[in-house]
């Protein structure tokens, strides 16, 4: 294993641990109503996706420039579709928690706008 890859993995695990501890602290205190049980799994998913993509790029960097460019595009494809597949699977299994903050925000905005429009008539 390359020294750079090992260093990246160690730093990623440390950073993920810090995020996990911060999340644990936040979700057990003032953000407890926003906690999603998938939070630890999301951290692991992002950790492993980043490690896979980084290792692909590090391994391809020793090859020709064309190989690196191909690996870079492939890594983008893997991450993008990996995230989409993960999101679709999660939303299909947990419909109750799939409403995102932006959706809630725009819905309440539209409701207020409609109410204000009706009052002005």
PDB file of N, CA and C in Angstrom:
ATOM      1  N   UNK A   1       0.851  -1.175   0.000  1.00  0.00           N
ATOM      2  CA  UNK A   1       0.000   0.000   0.000  1.00  0.00           C
ATOM      3  C   UNK A   1       0.898   1.239   0.000  1.00  0.00           C
ATOM      4  N   UNK A   2       0.556   2.182  -0.829  1.00  0.00           N
ATOM      5  CA  UNK A   2       1.318   3.415  -0.904  1.00  0.00           C
ATOM      6  C   UNK A   2       1.264   4.151   0.426  1.00  0.00           C
ATOM      7  N   UNK A   3       2.353   4.851   0.710  1.00  0.00           N
ATOM      8  CA  UNK A   3       2.406   5.645   1.939  1.00  0.00           C
ATOM      9  C   UNK A   3       1.320   6.724   1.931  1.00  0.00           C
ATOM     10  N   UNK A   4       1.122   7.352   0.782  1.00  0.00           N
ATOM     11  CA  UNK A   4       0.107   8.411   0.681  1.00  0.00           C
ATOM     12  C   UNK A   4      -1.294   7.858   0.907  1.00  0.00           C
ATOM     13  N   UNK A   5      -1.550   6.684   0.372  1.00  0.00           N
ATOM     14  CA  UNK A   5      -2.873   6.073   0.546  1.00  0.00           C
ATOM     15  C   UNK A   5      -3.103   5.709   2.010  1.00  0.00           C
ATOM     16  N   UNK A   6      -2.092   5.149   2.649  1.00  0.00           N
ATOM     17  CA  UNK A   6      -2.213   4.797   4.069  1.00  0.00           C
ATOM     18  C   UNK A   6      -2.454   6.056   4.907  1.00  0.00           C
ATOM     19  N   UNK A   7      -1.726   7.113   4.591  1.00  0.00           N
ATOM     20  CA  UNK A   7      -1.901   8.384   5.300  1.00  0.00           C
ATOM     21  C   UNK A   7      -3.310   8.931   5.091  1.00  0.00           C
ATOM     22  N   UNK A   8      -3.825   8.851   3.865  1.00  0.00           N
ATOM     23  CA  UNK A   8      -5.177   9.310   3.569  1.00  0.00           C
ATOM     24  C   UNK A   8      -6.211   8.509   4.361  1.00  0.00           C
ATOM     25  N   UNK A   9      -6.037   7.191   4.418  1.00  0.00           N
ATOM     26  CA  UNK A   9      -6.986   6.345   5.145  1.00  0.00           C
ATOM     27  C   UNK A   9      -6.977   6.691   6.624  1.00  0.00           C
ATOM     28  N   UNK A  10      -5.808   6.837   7.203  1.00  0.00           N
ATOM     29  CA  UNK A  10      -5.712   7.176   8.631  1.00  0.00           C
ATOM     30  C   UNK A  10      -6.355   8.533   8.904  1.00  0.00           C
ATOM     31  N   UNK A  11      -6.025   9.519   8.077  1.00  0.00           N
ATOM     32  CA  UNK A  11      -6.620  10.852   8.269  1.00  0.00           C
ATOM     33  C   UNK A  11      -8.135  10.820   8.064  1.00  0.00           C
ATOM     34  N   UNK A  12      -8.608  10.043   7.110  1.00  0.00           N
ATOM     35  CA  UNK A  12     -10.052   9.940   6.868  1.00  0.00           C
ATOM     36  C   UNK A  12     -10.762   9.283   8.044  1.00  0.00           C
ATOM     37  N   UNK A  13     -10.158   8.250   8.603  1.00  0.00           N
ATOM     38  CA  UNK A  13     -10.760   7.578   9.766  1.00  0.00           C
ATOM     39  C   UNK A  13     -10.789   8.525  10.960  1.00  0.00           C
ATOM     40  N   UNK A  14      -9.722   9.280  11.159  1.00  0.00           N
ATOM     41  CA  UNK A  14      -9.691  10.242  12.267  1.00  0.00           C
ATOM     42  C   UNK A  14     -10.757  11.324  12.064  1.00  0.00           C
ATOM     43  N   UNK A  15     -10.828  11.872  10.867  1.00  0.00           N
ATOM     44  CA  UNK A  15     -11.826  12.905  10.587  1.00  0.00           C
ATOM     45  C   UNK A  15     -13.246  12.358  10.736  1.00  0.00           C
ATOM     46  N   UNK A  16     -13.477  11.148  10.262  1.00  0.00           N
ATOM     47  CA  UNK A  16     -14.797  10.527  10.411  1.00  0.00           C
ATOM     48  C   UNK A  16     -15.127  10.317  11.890  1.00  0.00           C
ATOM     49  N   UNK A  17     -14.139   9.939  12.675  1.00  0.00           N
ATOM     50  CA  UNK A  17     -14.343   9.793  14.118  1.00  0.00           C
ATOM     51  C   UNK A  17     -14.707  11.102  14.784  1.00  0.00           C
ATOM     52  N   UNK A  18     -14.031  12.174  14.372  1.00  0.00           N
ATOM     53  CA  UNK A  18     -14.339  13.506  14.921  1.00  0.00           C
ATOM     54  C   UNK A  18     -15.760  13.922  14.551  1.00  0.00           C
ATOM     55  N   UNK A  19     -16.141  13.684  13.304  1.00  0.00           N
ATOM     56  CA  UNK A  19     -17.510  14.014  12.868  1.00  0.00           C
ATOM     57  C   UNK A  19     -18.519  13.161  13.628  1.00  0.00           C
ATOM     58  N   UNK A  20     -18.203  11.876  13.845  1.00  0.00           N
ATOM     59  CA  UNK A  20     -19.113  10.989  14.576  1.00  0.00           C
ATOM     60  C   UNK A  20     -19.291  11.462  16.017  1.00  0.00           C
ATOM     61  N   UNK A  21     -18.197  11.829  16.669  1.00  0.00           N
ATOM     62  CA  UNK A  21     -18.299  12.313  18.049  1.00  0.00           C
ATOM     63  C   UNK A  21     -19.043  13.636  18.133  1.00  0.00           C
ATOM     64  N   UNK A  22     -18.777  14.528  17.191  1.00  0.00           N
ATOM     65  CA  UNK A  22     -19.495  15.806  17.153  1.00  0.00           C
ATOM     66  C   UNK A  22     -20.977  15.570  16.902  1.00  0.00           C
ATOM     67  N   UNK A  23     -21.281  14.680  15.977  1.00  0.00           N
ATOM     68  CA  UNK A  23     -22.680  14.347  15.698  1.00  0.00           C
ATOM     69  C   UNK A  23     -23.353  13.712  16.899  1.00  0.00           C
ATOM     70  N   UNK A  24     -22.648  12.815  17.578  1.00  0.00           N
ATOM     71  CA  UNK A  24     -23.202  12.178  18.775  1.00  0.00           C
ATOM     72  C   UNK A  24     -23.527  13.224  19.830  1.00  0.00           C
ATOM     73  N   UNK A  25     -22.606  14.136  20.034  1.00  0.00           N
ATOM     74  CA  UNK A  25     -22.831  15.209  21.003  1.00  0.00           C
ATOM     75  C   UNK A  25     -24.005  16.096  20.593  1.00  0.00           C
ATOM     76  N   UNK A  26     -24.034  16.493  19.329  1.00  0.00           N
ATOM     77  CA  UNK A  26     -25.101  17.383  18.852  1.00  0.00           C
ATOM     78  C   UNK A  26     -26.456  16.685  18.871  1.00  0.00           C
ATOM     79  N   UNK A  27     -26.491  15.424  18.421  1.00  0.00           N
ATOM     80  CA  UNK A  27     -27.775  14.735  18.328  1.00  0.00           C
ATOM     81  C   UNK A  27     -28.296  14.227  19.669  1.00  0.00           C
ATOM     82  N   UNK A  28     -27.448  14.150  20.662  1.00  0.00           N
ATOM     83  CA  UNK A  28     -27.949  13.762  21.983  1.00  0.00           C
ATOM     84  C   UNK A  28     -28.313  14.979  22.826  1.00  0.00           C
ATOM     85  N   UNK A  29     -28.026  16.171  22.323  1.00  0.00           N
ATOM     86  CA  UNK A  29     -28.370  17.373  23.086  1.00  0.00           C
ATOM     87  C   UNK A  29     -29.372  18.225  22.321  1.00  0.00           C
ATOM     88  N   UNK A  30     -28.911  19.228  21.631  1.00  0.00           N
ATOM     89  CA  UNK A  30     -29.820  20.227  21.061  1.00  0.00           C
ATOM     90  C   UNK A  30     -30.386  19.876  19.684  1.00  0.00           C
ATOM     91  N   UNK A  31     -29.879  18.879  19.003  1.00  0.00           N
ATOM     92  CA  UNK A  31     -30.416  18.497  17.692  1.00  0.00           C
ATOM     93  C   UNK A  31     -31.089  17.124  17.699  1.00  0.00           C
ATOM     94  N   UNK A  32     -31.528  16.683  18.877  1.00  0.00           N
ATOM     95  CA  UNK A  32     -32.052  15.320  18.980  1.00  0.00           C
ATOM     96  C   UNK A  32     -33.296  15.068  18.135  1.00  0.00           C
ATOM     97  N   UNK A  33     -34.090  16.085  17.858  1.00  0.00           N
ATOM     98  CA  UNK A  33     -35.284  15.856  17.035  1.00  0.00           C
ATOM     99  C   UNK A  33     -34.943  15.700  15.552  1.00  0.00           C
ATOM    100  N   UNK A  34     -33.717  16.054  15.152  1.00  0.00           N
ATOM    101  CA  UNK A  34     -33.299  15.932  13.761  1.00  0.00           C
ATOM    102  C   UNK A  34     -32.454  14.686  13.494  1.00  0.00           C
ATOM    103  N   UNK A  35     -32.235  13.878  14.509  1.00  0.00           N
ATOM    104  CA  UNK A  35     -31.379  12.696  14.346  1.00  0.00           C
ATOM    105  C   UNK A  35     -32.038  11.680  13.415  1.00  0.00           C
ATOM    106  N   UNK A  36     -31.241  11.167  12.508  1.00  0.00           N
ATOM    107  CA  UNK A  36     -31.670  10.078  11.642  1.00  0.00           C
ATOM    108  C   UNK A  36     -30.831   8.852  11.976  1.00  0.00           C
ATOM    109  N   UNK A  37     -31.463   7.707  12.154  1.00  0.00           N
ATOM    110  CA  UNK A  37     -30.703   6.499  12.511  1.00  0.00           C
ATOM    111  C   UNK A  37     -29.653   6.112  11.467  1.00  0.00           C
ATOM    112  N   UNK A  38     -29.752   6.652  10.288  1.00  0.00           N
ATOM    113  CA  UNK A  38     -28.801   6.320   9.240  1.00  0.00           C
ATOM    114  C   UNK A  38     -27.485   7.096   9.380  1.00  0.00           C
ATOM    115  N   UNK A  39     -27.413   8.050  10.279  1.00  0.00           N
ATOM    116  CA  UNK A  39     -26.228   8.902  10.410  1.00  0.00           C
ATOM    117  C   UNK A  39     -24.919   8.118  10.502  1.00  0.00           C
ATOM    118  N   UNK A  40     -24.798   7.125  11.394  1.00  0.00           N
ATOM    119  CA  UNK A  40     -23.526   6.379  11.442  1.00  0.00           C
ATOM    120  C   UNK A  40     -23.232   5.637  10.138  1.00  0.00           C
ATOM    121  N   UNK A  41     -24.269   5.128   9.505  1.00  0.00           N
ATOM    122  CA  UNK A  41     -24.083   4.405   8.242  1.00  0.00           C
ATOM    123  C   UNK A  41     -23.658   5.357   7.124  1.00  0.00           C
ATOM    124  N   UNK A  42     -24.185   6.577   7.163  1.00  0.00           N
ATOM    125  CA  UNK A  42     -23.759   7.574   6.182  1.00  0.00           C
ATOM    126  C   UNK A  42     -22.271   7.885   6.321  1.00  0.00           C
ATOM    127  N   UNK A  43     -21.830   8.026   7.555  1.00  0.00           N
ATOM    128  CA  UNK A  43     -20.414   8.291   7.775  1.00  0.00           C
ATOM    129  C   UNK A  43     -19.547   7.168   7.221  1.00  0.00           C
ATOM    130  N   UNK A  44     -19.938   5.935   7.496  1.00  0.00           N
ATOM    131  CA  UNK A  44     -19.179   4.790   6.975  1.00  0.00           C
ATOM    132  C   UNK A  44     -19.238   4.717   5.459  1.00  0.00           C
ATOM    133  N   UNK A  45     -20.405   4.986   4.897  1.00  0.00           N
ATOM    134  CA  UNK A  45     -20.558   4.954   3.443  1.00  0.00           C
ATOM    135  C   UNK A  45     -19.637   5.977   2.780  1.00  0.00           C
ATOM    136  N   UNK A  46     -19.663   7.213   3.277  1.00  0.00           N
ATOM    137  CA  UNK A  46     -18.807   8.255   2.701  1.00  0.00           C
ATOM    138  C   UNK A  46     -17.329   7.931   2.911  1.00  0.00           C
ATOM    139  N   UNK A  47     -16.995   7.382   4.067  1.00  0.00           N
ATOM    140  CA  UNK A  47     -15.610   7.001   4.336  1.00  0.00           C
ATOM    141  C   UNK A  47     -15.132   5.970   3.316  1.00  0.00           C
ATOM    142  N   UNK A  48     -15.899   4.906   3.126  1.00  0.00           N
ATOM    143  CA  UNK A  48     -15.475   3.856   2.206  1.00  0.00           C
ATOM    144  C   UNK A  48     -15.495   4.310   0.749  1.00  0.00           C
ATOM    145  N   UNK A  49     -16.464   5.114   0.372  1.00  0.00           N
ATOM    146  CA  UNK A  49     -16.489   5.629  -1.002  1.00  0.00           C
ATOM    147  C   UNK A  49     -15.254   6.488  -1.271  1.00  0.00           C
ATOM    148  N   UNK A  50     -14.913   7.347  -0.328  1.00  0.00           N
ATOM    149  CA  UNK A  50     -13.744   8.203  -0.511  1.00  0.00           C
ATOM    150  C   UNK A  50     -12.447   7.402  -0.544  1.00  0.00           C
ATOM    151  N   UNK A  51     -12.366   6.368   0.288  1.00  0.00           N
ATOM    152  CA  UNK A  51     -11.164   5.526   0.280  1.00  0.00           C
ATOM    153  C   UNK A  51     -11.039   4.779  -1.039  1.00  0.00           C
ATOM    154  N   UNK A  52     -12.144   4.243  -1.536  1.00  0.00           N
ATOM    155  CA  UNK A  52     -12.113   3.518  -2.807  1.00  0.00           C
ATOM    156  C   UNK A  52     -11.688   4.444  -3.946  1.00  0.00           C
ATOM    157  N   UNK A  53     -12.301   5.609  -4.013  1.00  0.00           N
ATOM    158  CA  UNK A  53     -11.989   6.546  -5.091  1.00  0.00           C
ATOM    159  C   UNK A  53     -10.550   7.043  -4.973  1.00  0.00           C
ATOM    160  N   UNK A  54     -10.127   7.364  -3.773  1.00  0.00           N
ATOM    161  CA  UNK A  54      -8.755   7.852  -3.589  1.00  0.00           C
ATOM    162  C   UNK A  54      -7.737   6.773  -3.965  1.00  0.00           C
ATOM    163  N   UNK A  55      -7.997   5.533  -3.566  1.00  0.00           N
ATOM    164  CA  UNK A  55      -7.059   4.458  -3.915  1.00  0.00           C
ATOM    165  C   UNK A  55      -7.022   4.233  -5.422  1.00  0.00           C
ATOM    166  N   UNK A  56      -8.163   4.347  -6.071  1.00  0.00           N
ATOM    167  CA  UNK A  56      -8.197   4.222  -7.526  1.00  0.00           C
ATOM    168  C   UNK A  56      -7.343   5.306  -8.179  1.00  0.00           C
ATOM    169  N   UNK A  57      -7.452   6.522  -7.690  1.00  0.00           N
ATOM    170  CA  UNK A  57      -6.682   7.632  -8.256  1.00  0.00           C
ATOM    171  C   UNK A  57      -5.188   7.516  -7.942  1.00  0.00           C
ATOM    172  N   UNK A  58      -4.852   7.108  -6.724  1.00  0.00           N
ATOM    173  CA  UNK A  58      -3.434   6.954  -6.365  1.00  0.00           C
ATOM    174  C   UNK A  58      -2.797   5.845  -7.199  1.00  0.00           C
ATOM    175  N   UNK A  59      -3.499   4.737  -7.358  1.00  0.00           N
ATOM    176  CA  UNK A  59      -2.958   3.627  -8.151  1.00  0.00           C
ATOM    177  C   UNK A  59      -2.824   3.997  -9.615  1.00  0.00           C
ATOM    178  N   UNK A  60      -3.706   4.812 -10.123  1.00  0.00           N
ATOM    179  CA  UNK A  60      -3.628   5.188 -11.534  1.00  0.00           C
ATOM    180  C   UNK A  60      -2.633   6.306 -11.786  1.00  0.00           C
ATOM    181  N   UNK A  61      -2.203   6.991 -10.745  1.00  0.00           N
ATOM    182  CA  UNK A  61      -1.268   8.099 -10.934  1.00  0.00           C
ATOM    183  C   UNK A  61       0.109   7.613 -11.379  1.00  0.00           C
ATOM    184  N   UNK A  62       0.426   6.353 -11.145  1.00  0.00           N
ATOM    185  CA  UNK A  62       1.719   5.811 -11.560  1.00  0.00           C
ATOM    186  C   UNK A  62       1.741   5.434 -13.033  1.00  0.00           C
ATOM    187  N   UNK A  63       0.606   5.489 -13.671  1.00  0.00           N
ATOM    188  CA  UNK A  63       0.501   5.087 -15.065  1.00  0.00           C
ATOM    189  C   UNK A  63       0.508   6.304 -15.972  1.00  0.00           C
ATOM    190  N   UNK A  64       0.251   6.084 -17.227  1.00  0.00           N
ATOM    191  CA  UNK A  64       0.238   7.177 -18.199  1.00  0.00           C
ATOM    192  C   UNK A  64      -0.836   8.207 -17.855  1.00  0.00           C
ATOM    193  N   UNK A  65      -0.684   9.372 -18.450  1.00  0.00           N
ATOM    194  CA  UNK A  65      -1.637  10.460 -18.211  1.00  0.00           C
ATOM    195  C   UNK A  65      -3.044  10.053 -18.635  1.00  0.00           C
ATOM    196  N   UNK A  66      -3.166   9.334 -19.738  1.00  0.00           N
ATOM    197  CA  UNK A  66      -4.476   8.890 -20.223  1.00  0.00           C
ATOM    198  C   UNK A  66      -5.130   7.971 -19.195  1.00  0.00           C
ATOM    199  N   UNK A  67      -4.347   7.092 -18.594  1.00  0.00           N
ATOM    200  CA  UNK A  67      -4.904   6.185 -17.585  1.00  0.00           C
ATOM    201  C   UNK A  67      -5.423   6.960 -16.382  1.00  0.00           C
ATOM    202  N   UNK A  68      -4.687   8.001 -15.964  1.00  0.00           N
ATOM    203  CA  UNK A  68      -5.132   8.790 -14.826  1.00  0.00           C
ATOM    204  C   UNK A  68      -6.423   9.530 -15.146  1.00  0.00           C
ATOM    205  N   UNK A  69      -6.490  10.111 -16.327  1.00  0.00           N
ATOM    206  CA  UNK A  69      -7.712  10.828 -16.711  1.00  0.00           C
ATOM    207  C   UNK A  69      -8.900   9.885 -16.767  1.00  0.00           C
ATOM    208  N   UNK A  70      -8.693   8.696 -17.288  1.00  0.00           N
ATOM    209  CA  UNK A  70      -9.766   7.691 -17.322  1.00  0.00           C
ATOM    210  C   UNK A  70     -10.168   7.305 -15.902  1.00  0.00           C
ATOM    211  N   UNK A  71      -9.192   7.101 -15.042  1.00  0.00           N
ATOM    212  CA  UNK A  71      -9.481   6.739 -13.650  1.00  0.00           C
ATOM    213  C   UNK A  71     -10.203   7.870 -12.932  1.00  0.00           C
ATOM    214  N   UNK A  72      -9.831   9.105 -13.231  1.00  0.00           N
ATOM    215  CA  UNK A  72     -10.493  10.243 -12.601  1.00  0.00           C
ATOM    216  C   UNK A  72     -11.970  10.292 -13.001  1.00  0.00           C
ATOM    217  N   UNK A  73     -12.236  10.124 -14.286  1.00  0.00           N
ATOM    218  CA  UNK A  73     -13.630  10.120 -14.751  1.00  0.00           C
ATOM    219  C   UNK A  73     -14.394   8.919 -14.190  1.00  0.00           C
ATOM    220  N   UNK A  74     -13.743   7.775 -14.130  1.00  0.00           N
ATOM    221  CA  UNK A  74     -14.378   6.587 -13.566  1.00  0.00           C
ATOM    222  C   UNK A  74     -14.676   6.792 -12.082  1.00  0.00           C
ATOM    223  N   UNK A  75     -13.756   7.415 -11.369  1.00  0.00           N
ATOM    224  CA  UNK A  75     -13.981   7.651  -9.940  1.00  0.00           C
ATOM    225  C   UNK A  75     -15.145   8.606  -9.717  1.00  0.00           C
ATOM    226  N   UNK A  76     -15.264   9.620 -10.560  1.00  0.00           N
ATOM    227  CA  UNK A  76     -16.397  10.530 -10.467  1.00  0.00           C
ATOM    228  C   UNK A  76     -17.700   9.769 -10.710  1.00  0.00           C
ATOM    229  N   UNK A  77     -17.701   8.910 -11.713  1.00  0.00           N
ATOM    230  CA  UNK A  77     -18.872   8.093 -12.038  1.00  0.00           C
ATOM    231  C   UNK A  77     -19.248   7.190 -10.854  1.00  0.00           C
ATOM    232  N   UNK A  78     -18.261   6.541 -10.261  1.00  0.00           N
ATOM    233  CA  UNK A  78     -18.504   5.639  -9.122  1.00  0.00           C
ATOM    234  C   UNK A  78     -19.099   6.412  -7.953  1.00  0.00           C
ATOM    235  N   UNK A  79     -18.499   7.552  -7.621  1.00  0.00           N
ATOM    236  CA  UNK A  79     -19.009   8.341  -6.495  1.00  0.00           C
ATOM    237  C   UNK A  79     -20.421   8.858  -6.772  1.00  0.00           C
ATOM    238  N   UNK A  80     -20.613   9.445  -7.929  1.00  0.00           N
ATOM    239  CA  UNK A  80     -21.897  10.041  -8.258  1.00  0.00           C
ATOM    240  C   UNK A  80     -23.021   9.004  -8.219  1.00  0.00           C
ATOM    241  N   UNK A  81     -22.833   7.906  -8.923  1.00  0.00           N
ATOM    242  CA  UNK A  81     -23.882   6.897  -8.958  1.00  0.00           C
ATOM    243  C   UNK A  81     -23.981   6.108  -7.659  1.00  0.00           C
ATOM    244  N   UNK A  82     -22.882   5.975  -6.945  1.00  0.00           N
ATOM    245  CA  UNK A  82     -22.939   5.352  -5.627  1.00  0.00           C
ATOM    246  C   UNK A  82     -23.795   6.163  -4.677  1.00  0.00           C
ATOM    247  N   UNK A  83     -23.601   7.488  -4.692  1.00  0.00           N
ATOM    248  CA  UNK A  83     -24.408   8.367  -3.842  1.00  0.00           C
ATOM    249  C   UNK A  83     -25.882   8.331  -4.245  1.00  0.00           C
ATOM    250  N   UNK A  84     -26.132   8.353  -5.534  1.00  0.00           N
ATOM    251  CA  UNK A  84     -27.524   8.328  -6.006  1.00  0.00           C
ATOM    252  C   UNK A  84     -28.203   7.015  -5.625  1.00  0.00           C
ATOM    253  N   UNK A  85     -27.528   5.903  -5.826  1.00  0.00           N
ATOM    254  CA  UNK A  85     -28.108   4.598  -5.483  1.00  0.00           C
ATOM    255  C   UNK A  85     -28.372   4.526  -3.985  1.00  0.00           C
ATOM    256  N   UNK A  86     -27.415   4.970  -3.184  1.00  0.00           N
ATOM    257  CA  UNK A  86     -27.593   4.969  -1.738  1.00  0.00           C
ATOM    258  C   UNK A  86     -28.789   5.817  -1.336  1.00  0.00           C
ATOM    259  N   UNK A  87     -28.906   7.005  -1.926  1.00  0.00           N
ATOM    260  CA  UNK A  87     -30.017   7.906  -1.625  1.00  0.00           C
ATOM    261  C   UNK A  87     -31.358   7.302  -2.025  1.00  0.00           C
ATOM    262  N   UNK A  88     -31.425   6.726  -3.207  1.00  0.00           N
ATOM    263  CA  UNK A  88     -32.675   6.114  -3.669  1.00  0.00           C
ATOM    264  C   UNK A  88     -33.082   4.949  -2.776  1.00  0.00           C
ATOM    265  N   UNK A  89     -32.125   4.106  -2.413  1.00  0.00           N
ATOM    266  CA  UNK A  89     -32.440   2.980  -1.527  1.00  0.00           C
ATOM    267  C   UNK A  89     -32.918   3.462  -0.170  1.00  0.00           C
ATOM    268  N   UNK A  90     -32.268   4.480   0.368  1.00  0.00           N
ATOM    269  CA  UNK A  90     -32.671   4.992   1.667  1.00  0.00           C
ATOM    270  C   UNK A  90     -34.062   5.618   1.610  1.00  0.00           C
ATOM    271  N   UNK A  91     -34.298   6.440   0.611  1.00  0.00           N
ATOM    272  CA  UNK A  91     -35.595   7.115   0.503  1.00  0.00           C
ATOM    273  C   UNK A  91     -36.713   6.106   0.275  1.00  0.00           C
ATOM    274  N   UNK A  92     -36.447   5.069  -0.489  1.00  0.00           N
ATOM    275  CA  UNK A  92     -37.496   4.069  -0.742  1.00  0.00           C
ATOM    276  C   UNK A  92     -37.823   3.265   0.513  1.00  0.00           C
ATOM    277  N   UNK A  93     -36.863   3.081   1.396  1.00  0.00           N
ATOM    278  CA  UNK A  93     -37.100   2.322   2.633  1.00  0.00           C
ATOM    279  C   UNK A  93     -37.627   3.190   3.771  1.00  0.00           C
ATOM    280  N   UNK A  94     -37.251   4.461   3.806  1.00  0.00           N
ATOM    281  CA  UNK A  94     -37.598   5.349   4.920  1.00  0.00           C
ATOM    282  C   UNK A  94     -38.283   6.603   4.403  1.00  0.00           C
ATOM    283  N   UNK A  95     -39.469   6.442   3.915  1.00  0.00           N
ATOM    284  CA  UNK A  95     -40.193   7.579   3.342  1.00  0.00           C
ATOM    285  C   UNK A  95     -40.487   8.664   4.366  1.00  0.00           C
ATOM    286  N   UNK A  96     -40.668   8.283   5.627  1.00  0.00           N
ATOM    287  CA  UNK A  96     -41.028   9.264   6.643  1.00  0.00           C
ATOM    288  C   UNK A  96     -39.905  10.259   6.933  1.00  0.00           C
ATOM    289  N   UNK A  97     -38.678   9.872   6.726  1.00  0.00           N
ATOM    290  CA  UNK A  97     -37.574  10.792   7.002  1.00  0.00           C
ATOM    291  C   UNK A  97     -36.915  11.310   5.736  1.00  0.00           C
ATOM    292  N   UNK A  98     -37.553  11.093   4.604  1.00  0.00           N
ATOM    293  CA  UNK A  98     -36.929  11.501   3.347  1.00  0.00           C
ATOM    294  C   UNK A  98     -37.236  12.935   2.955  1.00  0.00           C
ATOM    295  N   UNK A  99     -38.074  13.601   3.724  1.00  0.00           N
ATOM    296  CA  UNK A  99     -38.347  15.010   3.425  1.00  0.00           C
ATOM    297  C   UNK A  99     -37.144  15.817   3.877  1.00  0.00           C
ATOM    298  N   UNK A 100     -36.571  16.521   2.975  1.00  0.00           N
ATOM    299  CA  UNK A 100     -35.354  17.267   3.269  1.00  0.00           C
ATOM    300  C   UNK A 100     -35.717  18.660   3.760  1.00  0.00           C
ATOM    301  N   UNK A 101     -34.743  19.291   4.374  1.00  0.00           N
ATOM    302  CA  UNK A 101     -34.939  20.618   4.943  1.00  0.00           C
ATOM    303  C   UNK A 101     -35.456  21.604   3.901  1.00  0.00           C
ATOM    304  N   UNK A 102     -34.866  21.581   2.704  1.00  0.00           N
ATOM    305  CA  UNK A 102     -35.275  22.526   1.668  1.00  0.00           C
ATOM    306  C   UNK A 102     -36.731  22.324   1.268  1.00  0.00           C
ATOM    307  N   UNK A 103     -37.162  21.084   1.228  1.00  0.00           N
ATOM    308  CA  UNK A 103     -38.548  20.794   0.853  1.00  0.00           C
ATOM    309  C   UNK A 103     -39.490  21.336   1.918  1.00  0.00           C
ATOM    310  N   UNK A 104     -39.141  21.118   3.177  1.00  0.00           N
ATOM    311  CA  UNK A 104     -39.963  21.658   4.262  1.00  0.00           C
ATOM    312  C   UNK A 104     -40.016  23.176   4.198  1.00  0.00           C
ATOM    313  N   UNK A 105     -38.874  23.763   3.935  1.00  0.00           N
ATOM    314  CA  UNK A 105     -38.787  25.215   3.884  1.00  0.00           C
ATOM    315  C   UNK A 105     -39.635  25.789   2.757  1.00  0.00           C
ATOM    316  N   UNK A 106     -39.518  25.237   1.567  1.00  0.00           N
ATOM    317  CA  UNK A 106     -40.277  25.772   0.427  1.00  0.00           C
ATOM    318  C   UNK A 106     -41.767  25.502   0.601  1.00  0.00           C
ATOM    319  N   UNK A 107     -42.117  24.372   1.197  1.00  0.00           N
ATOM    320  CA  UNK A 107     -43.529  24.074   1.437  1.00  0.00           C
ATOM    321  C   UNK A 107     -44.143  25.086   2.393  1.00  0.00           C
ATOM    322  N   UNK A 108     -43.430  25.383   3.477  1.00  0.00           N
ATOM    323  CA  UNK A 108     -43.976  26.366   4.425  1.00  0.00           C
ATOM    324  C   UNK A 108     -44.024  27.758   3.794  1.00  0.00           C
ATOM    325  N   UNK A 109     -43.039  28.081   2.968  1.00  0.00           N
ATOM    326  CA  UNK A 109     -43.046  29.366   2.268  1.00  0.00           C
ATOM    327  C   UNK A 109     -44.252  29.464   1.342  1.00  0.00           C
ATOM    328  N   UNK A 110     -44.496  28.413   0.575  1.00  0.00           N
ATOM    329  CA  UNK A 110     -45.631  28.431  -0.350  1.00  0.00           C
ATOM    330  C   UNK A 110     -46.962  28.514   0.401  1.00  0.00           C
ATOM    331  N   UNK A 111     -47.041  27.835   1.529  1.00  0.00           N
ATOM    332  CA  UNK A 111     -48.261  27.902   2.325  1.00  0.00           C
ATOM    333  C   UNK A 111     -48.496  29.322   2.836  1.00  0.00           C
ATOM    334  N   UNK A 112     -47.445  29.958   3.334  1.00  0.00           N
ATOM    335  CA  UNK A 112     -47.566  31.344   3.813  1.00  0.00           C
ATOM    336  C   UNK A 112     -47.930  32.285   2.668  1.00  0.00           C
ATOM    337  N   UNK A 113     -47.309  32.072   1.517  1.00  0.00           N
ATOM    338  CA  UNK A 113     -47.599  32.924   0.357  1.00  0.00           C
ATOM    339  C   UNK A 113     -49.044  32.779  -0.083  1.00  0.00           C
ATOM    340  N   UNK A 114     -49.547  31.543  -0.093  1.00  0.00           N
ATOM    341  CA  UNK A 114     -50.929  31.298  -0.482  1.00  0.00           C
ATOM    342  C   UNK A 114     -51.886  31.932   0.514  1.00  0.00           C
ATOM    343  N   UNK A 115     -51.583  31.789   1.812  1.00  0.00           N
ATOM    344  CA  UNK A 115     -52.422  32.400   2.837  1.00  0.00           C
ATOM    345  C   UNK A 115     -52.443  33.921   2.719  1.00  0.00           C
ATOM    346  N   UNK A 116     -51.271  34.500   2.465  1.00  0.00           N
ATOM    347  CA  UNK A 116     -51.186  35.961   2.298  1.00  0.00           C
ATOM    348  C   UNK A 116     -51.939  36.404   1.048  1.00  0.00           C
ATOM    349  N   UNK A 117     -51.883  35.622  -0.003  1.00  0.00           N
ATOM    350  CA  UNK A 117     -52.582  35.959  -1.237  1.00  0.00           C
ATOM    351  C   UNK A 117     -54.096  35.915  -1.005  1.00  0.00           C
ATOM    352  N   UNK A 118     -54.570  34.895  -0.285  1.00  0.00           N
ATOM    353  CA  UNK A 118     -56.000  34.779  -0.015  1.00  0.00           C
ATOM    354  C   UNK A 118     -56.475  35.923   0.867  1.00  0.00           C
ATOM    355  N   UNK A 119     -55.672  36.346   1.811  1.00  0.00           N
ATOM    356  CA  UNK A 119     -56.059  37.446   2.704  1.00  0.00           C
ATOM    357  C   UNK A 119     -56.129  38.779   1.964  1.00  0.00           C
ATOM    358  N   UNK A 120     -55.288  38.945   0.969  1.00  0.00           N
ATOM    359  CA  UNK A 120     -55.266  40.218   0.243  1.00  0.00           C
ATOM    360  C   UNK A 120     -56.432  40.368  -0.708  1.00  0.00           C
ATOM    361  N   UNK A 121     -57.127  39.314  -1.017  1.00  0.00           N
ATOM    362  CA  UNK A 121     -58.269  39.388  -1.942  1.00  0.00           C
ATOM    363  C   UNK A 121     -59.527  39.781  -1.251  1.00  0.00           C
TER     364      UNK A 121
END
